[in-house]
Amino acid sequence: MEEPTKLFTASSLLMASLFAYSASVQLNDPDWYFWFPLYAFASVVNLLMNNTSYKSKTIRKIAKLDLGLGTFLFLKVVIEDYLINSAKNPNKPAKEKKVKEVAARYVDYGMAMLVGMSYGIPIVFLAFIKEEDVTMR
């Protein structure tokens, strides 16, 4: 495995510090026990990426665990949001949509696409691209 570039090292350290900060601010949430490990594992993966003495299998296992946890939490949030919205408006007719609601729907779709791409790219790299195919330059 080649030595990581300075840009890669700086980016990994920046992301590791951002994930560590995100983990620390989750401690006051009611469901911190879900979110803290997600951000902590992401921070650890970014820190381990800089240390070439760790085998990439260890990093990949932690990254896959973190991706699974992130997918679970994404589905948890989507299901909770659906249940809360359906409980608030059980009899709302479908034809009573206002311009504001339509615009909000497009924003939601954009956010969903962004989240989907954010999860899709790591899934492609972790699940389908072999380690030999990726070289750091």
N, C-alpha and C. Protein backbone atom coordinates (compact mmCIF):
# COMPACT_ATOMS: atom_id res chain seq x y z
N MET A 1 0.85 -1.18 0.00
CA MET A 1 0.00 0.00 0.00
C MET A 1 0.89 1.24 0.00
N GLU A 2 0.58 2.16 -0.85
CA GLU A 2 1.38 3.37 -0.96
C GLU A 2 1.08 4.32 0.19
N GLU A 3 2.00 5.23 0.43
CA GLU A 3 1.80 6.26 1.45
C GLU A 3 0.71 7.22 0.99
N PRO A 4 -0.20 7.61 1.89
CA PRO A 4 -1.23 8.57 1.49
C PRO A 4 -0.63 9.95 1.21
N THR A 5 -1.27 10.67 0.31
CA THR A 5 -0.79 12.01 -0.02
C THR A 5 -1.11 12.96 1.13
N LYS A 6 -0.49 14.13 1.08
CA LYS A 6 -0.73 15.13 2.13
C LYS A 6 -2.18 15.61 2.12
N LEU A 7 -2.74 15.76 0.94
CA LEU A 7 -4.14 16.18 0.83
C LEU A 7 -5.06 15.13 1.44
N PHE A 8 -4.80 13.86 1.15
CA PHE A 8 -5.61 12.78 1.72
C PHE A 8 -5.47 12.75 3.24
N THR A 9 -4.26 12.91 3.73
CA THR A 9 -4.02 12.92 5.18
C THR A 9 -4.74 14.09 5.84
N ALA A 10 -4.62 15.27 5.24
CA ALA A 10 -5.28 16.45 5.81
C ALA A 10 -6.80 16.28 5.79
N SER A 11 -7.35 15.75 4.69
CA SER A 11 -8.79 15.54 4.59
C SER A 11 -9.27 14.52 5.61
N SER A 12 -8.52 13.44 5.77
CA SER A 12 -8.90 12.41 6.73
C SER A 12 -8.86 12.95 8.16
N LEU A 13 -7.84 13.73 8.49
CA LEU A 13 -7.76 14.30 9.84
C LEU A 13 -8.87 15.31 10.08
N LEU A 14 -9.20 16.10 9.07
CA LEU A 14 -10.30 17.05 9.20
C LEU A 14 -11.62 16.32 9.41
N MET A 15 -11.87 15.30 8.61
CA MET A 15 -13.11 14.53 8.76
C MET A 15 -13.15 13.80 10.11
N ALA A 16 -12.02 13.27 10.53
CA ALA A 16 -11.97 12.59 11.83
C ALA A 16 -12.31 13.56 12.96
N SER A 17 -11.79 14.77 12.88
CA SER A 17 -12.09 15.74 13.94
C SER A 17 -13.56 16.18 13.88
N LEU A 18 -14.12 16.33 12.68
CA LEU A 18 -15.53 16.69 12.56
C LEU A 18 -16.44 15.58 13.09
N PHE A 19 -16.10 14.32 12.78
CA PHE A 19 -16.90 13.21 13.30
C PHE A 19 -16.74 13.08 14.81
N ALA A 20 -15.54 13.33 15.33
CA ALA A 20 -15.34 13.27 16.78
C ALA A 20 -16.16 14.36 17.47
N TYR A 21 -16.19 15.56 16.88
CA TYR A 21 -17.01 16.63 17.44
C TYR A 21 -18.49 16.25 17.39
N SER A 22 -18.92 15.69 16.26
CA SER A 22 -20.32 15.27 16.13
C SER A 22 -20.67 14.21 17.16
N ALA A 23 -19.74 13.30 17.42
CA ALA A 23 -19.98 12.28 18.45
C ALA A 23 -20.13 12.91 19.82
N SER A 24 -19.32 13.92 20.10
CA SER A 24 -19.37 14.53 21.43
C SER A 24 -20.66 15.32 21.67
N VAL A 25 -21.22 15.91 20.63
CA VAL A 25 -22.45 16.69 20.83
C VAL A 25 -23.70 15.80 20.83
N GLN A 26 -23.57 14.52 20.52
CA GLN A 26 -24.71 13.61 20.54
C GLN A 26 -25.04 13.14 21.95
N LEU A 27 -24.17 13.40 22.89
CA LEU A 27 -24.36 12.85 24.24
C LEU A 27 -25.57 13.43 24.96
N ASN A 28 -26.09 14.56 24.51
CA ASN A 28 -27.27 15.13 25.16
C ASN A 28 -28.57 14.75 24.46
N ASP A 29 -28.50 13.91 23.43
CA ASP A 29 -29.71 13.45 22.73
C ASP A 29 -30.38 12.32 23.52
N PRO A 30 -31.70 12.18 23.34
CA PRO A 30 -32.37 11.08 24.04
C PRO A 30 -31.96 9.70 23.52
N ASP A 31 -31.56 9.61 22.24
CA ASP A 31 -31.11 8.32 21.71
C ASP A 31 -29.63 8.38 21.31
N TRP A 32 -28.83 8.92 22.21
CA TRP A 32 -27.39 9.09 21.96
C TRP A 32 -26.69 7.76 21.72
N TYR A 33 -27.22 6.69 22.31
CA TYR A 33 -26.58 5.38 22.20
C TYR A 33 -26.63 4.83 20.78
N PHE A 34 -27.47 5.40 19.90
CA PHE A 34 -27.46 5.04 18.49
C PHE A 34 -26.46 5.90 17.71
N TRP A 35 -26.49 7.22 17.97
CA TRP A 35 -25.75 8.16 17.15
C TRP A 35 -24.29 8.27 17.54
N PHE A 36 -23.97 8.14 18.82
CA PHE A 36 -22.58 8.26 19.25
C PHE A 36 -21.68 7.22 18.56
N PRO A 37 -22.06 5.92 18.55
CA PRO A 37 -21.18 4.97 17.86
C PRO A 37 -21.04 5.24 16.36
N LEU A 38 -22.10 5.74 15.73
CA LEU A 38 -22.02 6.05 14.30
C LEU A 38 -20.91 7.06 14.03
N TYR A 39 -20.92 8.16 14.75
CA TYR A 39 -19.91 9.20 14.54
C TYR A 39 -18.55 8.79 15.07
N ALA A 40 -18.51 8.04 16.16
CA ALA A 40 -17.23 7.60 16.72
C ALA A 40 -16.53 6.63 15.76
N PHE A 41 -17.29 5.67 15.20
CA PHE A 41 -16.69 4.74 14.24
C PHE A 41 -16.20 5.47 13.00
N ALA A 42 -16.96 6.44 12.53
CA ALA A 42 -16.53 7.21 11.35
C ALA A 42 -15.23 7.96 11.65
N SER A 43 -15.11 8.48 12.85
CA SER A 43 -13.88 9.16 13.24
C SER A 43 -12.70 8.19 13.29
N VAL A 44 -12.94 7.01 13.85
CA VAL A 44 -11.88 6.01 13.94
C VAL A 44 -11.44 5.56 12.55
N VAL A 45 -12.38 5.35 11.65
CA VAL A 45 -12.02 4.94 10.28
C VAL A 45 -11.14 5.99 9.63
N ASN A 46 -11.49 7.26 9.78
CA ASN A 46 -10.68 8.32 9.19
C ASN A 46 -9.30 8.41 9.82
N LEU A 47 -9.21 8.16 11.12
CA LEU A 47 -7.89 8.17 11.77
C LEU A 47 -7.05 6.98 11.32
N LEU A 48 -7.67 5.81 11.19
CA LEU A 48 -6.92 4.62 10.78
C LEU A 48 -6.47 4.68 9.33
N MET A 49 -7.18 5.43 8.51
CA MET A 49 -6.79 5.55 7.11
C MET A 49 -5.42 6.22 6.96
N ASN A 50 -5.03 7.02 7.94
CA ASN A 50 -3.73 7.69 7.88
C ASN A 50 -2.60 6.78 8.33
N ASN A 51 -2.90 5.77 9.12
CA ASN A 51 -1.88 4.89 9.65
C ASN A 51 -1.79 3.66 8.76
N THR A 52 -0.73 3.56 8.01
CA THR A 52 -0.61 2.45 7.07
C THR A 52 -0.21 1.15 7.74
N SER A 53 0.09 1.17 9.05
CA SER A 53 0.47 -0.06 9.73
C SER A 53 -0.76 -0.95 9.98
N TYR A 54 -1.95 -0.36 9.98
CA TYR A 54 -3.17 -1.16 10.12
C TYR A 54 -3.50 -1.79 8.79
N LYS A 55 -3.92 -3.04 8.84
CA LYS A 55 -4.32 -3.70 7.60
C LYS A 55 -5.66 -3.12 7.15
N SER A 56 -5.83 -3.06 5.87
CA SER A 56 -7.06 -2.46 5.36
C SER A 56 -8.29 -3.32 5.67
N LYS A 57 -8.10 -4.60 5.97
CA LYS A 57 -9.25 -5.44 6.34
C LYS A 57 -9.88 -4.94 7.63
N THR A 58 -9.07 -4.50 8.57
CA THR A 58 -9.60 -3.96 9.82
C THR A 58 -10.40 -2.70 9.55
N ILE A 59 -9.85 -1.84 8.73
CA ILE A 59 -10.54 -0.60 8.41
C ILE A 59 -11.85 -0.90 7.68
N ARG A 60 -11.81 -1.84 6.75
CA ARG A 60 -13.01 -2.17 5.98
C ARG A 60 -14.10 -2.78 6.87
N LYS A 61 -13.70 -3.59 7.85
CA LYS A 61 -14.69 -4.17 8.76
C LYS A 61 -15.36 -3.09 9.60
N ILE A 62 -14.57 -2.16 10.11
CA ILE A 62 -15.15 -1.06 10.89
C ILE A 62 -16.03 -0.19 10.01
N ALA A 63 -15.58 0.08 8.79
CA ALA A 63 -16.36 0.91 7.87
C ALA A 63 -17.68 0.22 7.50
N LYS A 64 -17.66 -1.09 7.28
CA LYS A 64 -18.89 -1.81 6.96
C LYS A 64 -19.85 -1.81 8.15
N LEU A 65 -19.30 -1.96 9.35
CA LEU A 65 -20.13 -1.88 10.55
C LEU A 65 -20.78 -0.50 10.67
N ASP A 66 -19.99 0.53 10.42
CA ASP A 66 -20.50 1.89 10.50
C ASP A 66 -21.54 2.16 9.41
N LEU A 67 -21.31 1.64 8.23
CA LEU A 67 -22.28 1.80 7.14
C LEU A 67 -23.59 1.11 7.47
N GLY A 68 -23.51 -0.09 8.06
CA GLY A 68 -24.73 -0.80 8.47
C GLY A 68 -25.49 -0.03 9.54
N LEU A 69 -24.75 0.52 10.51
CA LEU A 69 -25.38 1.32 11.56
C LEU A 69 -26.01 2.57 10.98
N GLY A 70 -25.33 3.21 10.05
CA GLY A 70 -25.87 4.41 9.41
C GLY A 70 -27.12 4.11 8.61
N THR A 71 -27.14 2.99 7.92
CA THR A 71 -28.32 2.58 7.16
C THR A 71 -29.49 2.31 8.09
N PHE A 72 -29.22 1.62 9.19
CA PHE A 72 -30.26 1.36 10.18
C PHE A 72 -30.83 2.66 10.74
N LEU A 73 -29.97 3.61 11.08
CA LEU A 73 -30.44 4.88 11.64
C LEU A 73 -31.20 5.70 10.61
N PHE A 74 -30.77 5.64 9.35
CA PHE A 74 -31.50 6.33 8.29
C PHE A 74 -32.92 5.78 8.18
N LEU A 75 -33.04 4.46 8.15
CA LEU A 75 -34.37 3.84 8.06
C LEU A 75 -35.20 4.15 9.30
N LYS A 76 -34.56 4.16 10.46
CA LYS A 76 -35.26 4.49 11.72
C LYS A 76 -35.86 5.89 11.65
N VAL A 77 -35.08 6.85 11.17
CA VAL A 77 -35.55 8.24 11.10
C VAL A 77 -36.68 8.37 10.07
N VAL A 78 -36.54 7.71 8.93
CA VAL A 78 -37.57 7.79 7.89
C VAL A 78 -38.88 7.18 8.39
N ILE A 79 -38.80 6.02 9.03
CA ILE A 79 -40.01 5.36 9.54
C ILE A 79 -40.66 6.19 10.64
N GLU A 80 -39.85 6.72 11.56
CA GLU A 80 -40.41 7.57 12.63
C GLU A 80 -41.08 8.80 12.04
N ASP A 81 -40.46 9.43 11.05
CA ASP A 81 -41.05 10.61 10.43
C ASP A 81 -42.37 10.27 9.75
N TYR A 82 -42.41 9.16 9.06
CA TYR A 82 -43.65 8.73 8.40
C TYR A 82 -44.75 8.47 9.42
N LEU A 83 -44.41 7.78 10.51
CA LEU A 83 -45.42 7.47 11.52
C LEU A 83 -45.92 8.73 12.23
N ILE A 84 -45.02 9.65 12.51
CA ILE A 84 -45.41 10.89 13.18
C ILE A 84 -46.29 11.74 12.26
N ASN A 85 -45.91 11.86 10.98
CA ASN A 85 -46.72 12.66 10.05
C ASN A 85 -48.07 12.02 9.78
N SER A 86 -48.14 10.70 9.70
CA SER A 86 -49.43 10.05 9.45
C SER A 86 -50.31 10.14 10.70
N ALA A 87 -49.73 10.21 11.88
CA ALA A 87 -50.53 10.36 13.09
C ALA A 87 -51.07 11.78 13.23
N LYS A 88 -50.31 12.77 12.74
CA LYS A 88 -50.75 14.16 12.84
C LYS A 88 -51.87 14.47 11.85
N ASN A 89 -51.81 13.89 10.65
CA ASN A 89 -52.76 14.20 9.59
C ASN A 89 -53.40 12.93 9.04
N PRO A 90 -54.22 12.25 9.83
CA PRO A 90 -54.76 10.98 9.34
C PRO A 90 -55.82 11.14 8.24
N ASN A 91 -56.57 12.23 8.24
CA ASN A 91 -57.68 12.39 7.29
C ASN A 91 -57.43 13.47 6.26
N LYS A 92 -56.21 13.86 6.06
CA LYS A 92 -55.92 14.94 5.12
C LYS A 92 -56.08 14.45 3.69
N PRO A 93 -56.96 15.08 2.91
CA PRO A 93 -57.14 14.66 1.52
C PRO A 93 -55.89 14.93 0.69
N ALA A 94 -55.64 14.08 -0.28
CA ALA A 94 -54.44 14.19 -1.11
C ALA A 94 -54.49 15.41 -2.03
N LYS A 95 -55.70 15.91 -2.35
CA LYS A 95 -55.83 17.01 -3.30
C LYS A 95 -55.63 18.38 -2.66
N GLU A 96 -55.46 18.45 -1.36
CA GLU A 96 -55.31 19.74 -0.69
C GLU A 96 -53.86 20.15 -0.56
N LYS A 97 -53.10 19.97 -1.60
CA LYS A 97 -51.69 20.33 -1.56
C LYS A 97 -51.52 21.78 -1.96
N LYS A 98 -50.73 22.47 -1.21
CA LYS A 98 -50.45 23.87 -1.50
C LYS A 98 -49.09 23.97 -2.17
N VAL A 99 -48.81 25.13 -2.71
CA VAL A 99 -47.54 25.35 -3.39
C VAL A 99 -46.38 25.13 -2.42
N LYS A 100 -46.56 25.53 -1.19
CA LYS A 100 -45.51 25.37 -0.20
C LYS A 100 -45.20 23.89 0.04
N GLU A 101 -46.23 23.07 0.08
CA GLU A 101 -46.03 21.64 0.30
C GLU A 101 -45.34 21.00 -0.90
N VAL A 102 -45.68 21.45 -2.10
CA VAL A 102 -45.05 20.90 -3.30
C VAL A 102 -43.57 21.27 -3.32
N ALA A 103 -43.26 22.53 -3.00
CA ALA A 103 -41.87 22.96 -2.95
C ALA A 103 -41.11 22.18 -1.87
N ALA A 104 -41.74 21.96 -0.74
CA ALA A 104 -41.10 21.20 0.34
C ALA A 104 -40.83 19.76 -0.10
N ARG A 105 -41.72 19.22 -0.91
CA ARG A 105 -41.53 17.85 -1.41
C ARG A 105 -40.29 17.78 -2.29
N TYR A 106 -40.10 18.79 -3.16
CA TYR A 106 -38.91 18.79 -4.01
C TYR A 106 -37.64 18.91 -3.18
N VAL A 107 -37.69 19.71 -2.14
CA VAL A 107 -36.53 19.81 -1.24
C VAL A 107 -36.28 18.47 -0.56
N ASP A 108 -37.34 17.80 -0.12
CA ASP A 108 -37.19 16.49 0.50
C ASP A 108 -36.59 15.49 -0.47
N TYR A 109 -37.04 15.52 -1.74
CA TYR A 109 -36.49 14.60 -2.73
C TYR A 109 -35.01 14.88 -2.96
N GLY A 110 -34.65 16.16 -3.00
CA GLY A 110 -33.24 16.51 -3.17
C GLY A 110 -32.40 16.03 -2.01
N MET A 111 -32.93 16.19 -0.80
CA MET A 111 -32.20 15.72 0.37
C MET A 111 -32.11 14.19 0.35
N ALA A 112 -33.18 13.53 -0.05
CA ALA A 112 -33.16 12.07 -0.11
C ALA A 112 -32.15 11.59 -1.16
N MET A 113 -32.08 12.28 -2.29
CA MET A 113 -31.10 11.91 -3.31
C MET A 113 -29.69 12.11 -2.80
N LEU A 114 -29.46 13.20 -2.08
CA LEU A 114 -28.14 13.46 -1.51
C LEU A 114 -27.74 12.38 -0.51
N VAL A 115 -28.68 12.00 0.35
CA VAL A 115 -28.40 10.94 1.31
C VAL A 115 -28.18 9.62 0.59
N GLY A 116 -28.98 9.34 -0.41
CA GLY A 116 -28.81 8.11 -1.18
C GLY A 116 -27.45 8.04 -1.85
N MET A 117 -27.00 9.14 -2.42
CA MET A 117 -25.66 9.17 -3.02
C MET A 117 -24.58 9.03 -1.96
N SER A 118 -24.81 9.65 -0.81
CA SER A 118 -23.82 9.57 0.27
C SER A 118 -23.66 8.13 0.76
N TYR A 119 -24.74 7.38 0.78
CA TYR A 119 -24.65 5.97 1.16
C TYR A 119 -24.25 5.09 -0.02
N GLY A 120 -24.68 5.45 -1.21
CA GLY A 120 -24.42 4.62 -2.38
C GLY A 120 -22.95 4.54 -2.76
N ILE A 121 -22.26 5.66 -2.70
CA ILE A 121 -20.84 5.67 -3.09
C ILE A 121 -20.01 4.78 -2.16
N PRO A 122 -20.14 4.90 -0.83
CA PRO A 122 -19.38 3.98 0.03
C PRO A 122 -19.77 2.52 -0.16
N ILE A 123 -21.05 2.25 -0.42
CA ILE A 123 -21.47 0.86 -0.64
C ILE A 123 -20.76 0.31 -1.87
N VAL A 124 -20.67 1.10 -2.93
CA VAL A 124 -19.99 0.63 -4.13
C VAL A 124 -18.53 0.33 -3.83
N PHE A 125 -17.85 1.24 -3.10
CA PHE A 125 -16.45 1.02 -2.81
C PHE A 125 -16.23 -0.13 -1.83
N LEU A 126 -17.08 -0.26 -0.83
CA LEU A 126 -16.89 -1.30 0.16
C LEU A 126 -17.31 -2.67 -0.33
N ALA A 127 -18.34 -2.74 -1.13
CA ALA A 127 -18.90 -4.03 -1.49
C ALA A 127 -18.44 -4.53 -2.86
N PHE A 128 -18.22 -3.65 -3.81
CA PHE A 128 -18.02 -4.10 -5.18
C PHE A 128 -16.62 -3.87 -5.74
N ILE A 129 -15.88 -2.90 -5.22
CA ILE A 129 -14.56 -2.62 -5.76
C ILE A 129 -13.53 -3.35 -4.91
N LYS A 130 -12.71 -4.13 -5.56
CA LYS A 130 -11.69 -4.89 -4.84
C LYS A 130 -10.56 -3.98 -4.42
N GLU A 131 -9.90 -4.37 -3.37
CA GLU A 131 -8.83 -3.56 -2.80
C GLU A 131 -7.70 -3.38 -3.80
N GLU A 132 -7.44 -4.36 -4.65
CA GLU A 132 -6.35 -4.28 -5.61
C GLU A 132 -6.64 -3.27 -6.71
N ASP A 133 -7.93 -2.99 -6.95
CA ASP A 133 -8.31 -2.08 -8.02
C ASP A 133 -8.10 -0.61 -7.65
N VAL A 134 -8.03 -0.32 -6.35
CA VAL A 134 -7.93 1.07 -5.90
C VAL A 134 -6.49 1.33 -5.49
N THR A 135 -5.90 2.34 -6.08
CA THR A 135 -4.55 2.74 -5.70
C THR A 135 -4.58 4.20 -5.29
N MET A 136 -3.91 4.51 -4.18
CA MET A 136 -3.85 5.90 -3.75
C MET A 136 -2.65 6.57 -4.42
N ARG A 137 -2.86 7.75 -4.90
CA ARG A 137 -1.79 8.47 -5.57
C ARG A 137 -1.52 9.77 -4.90
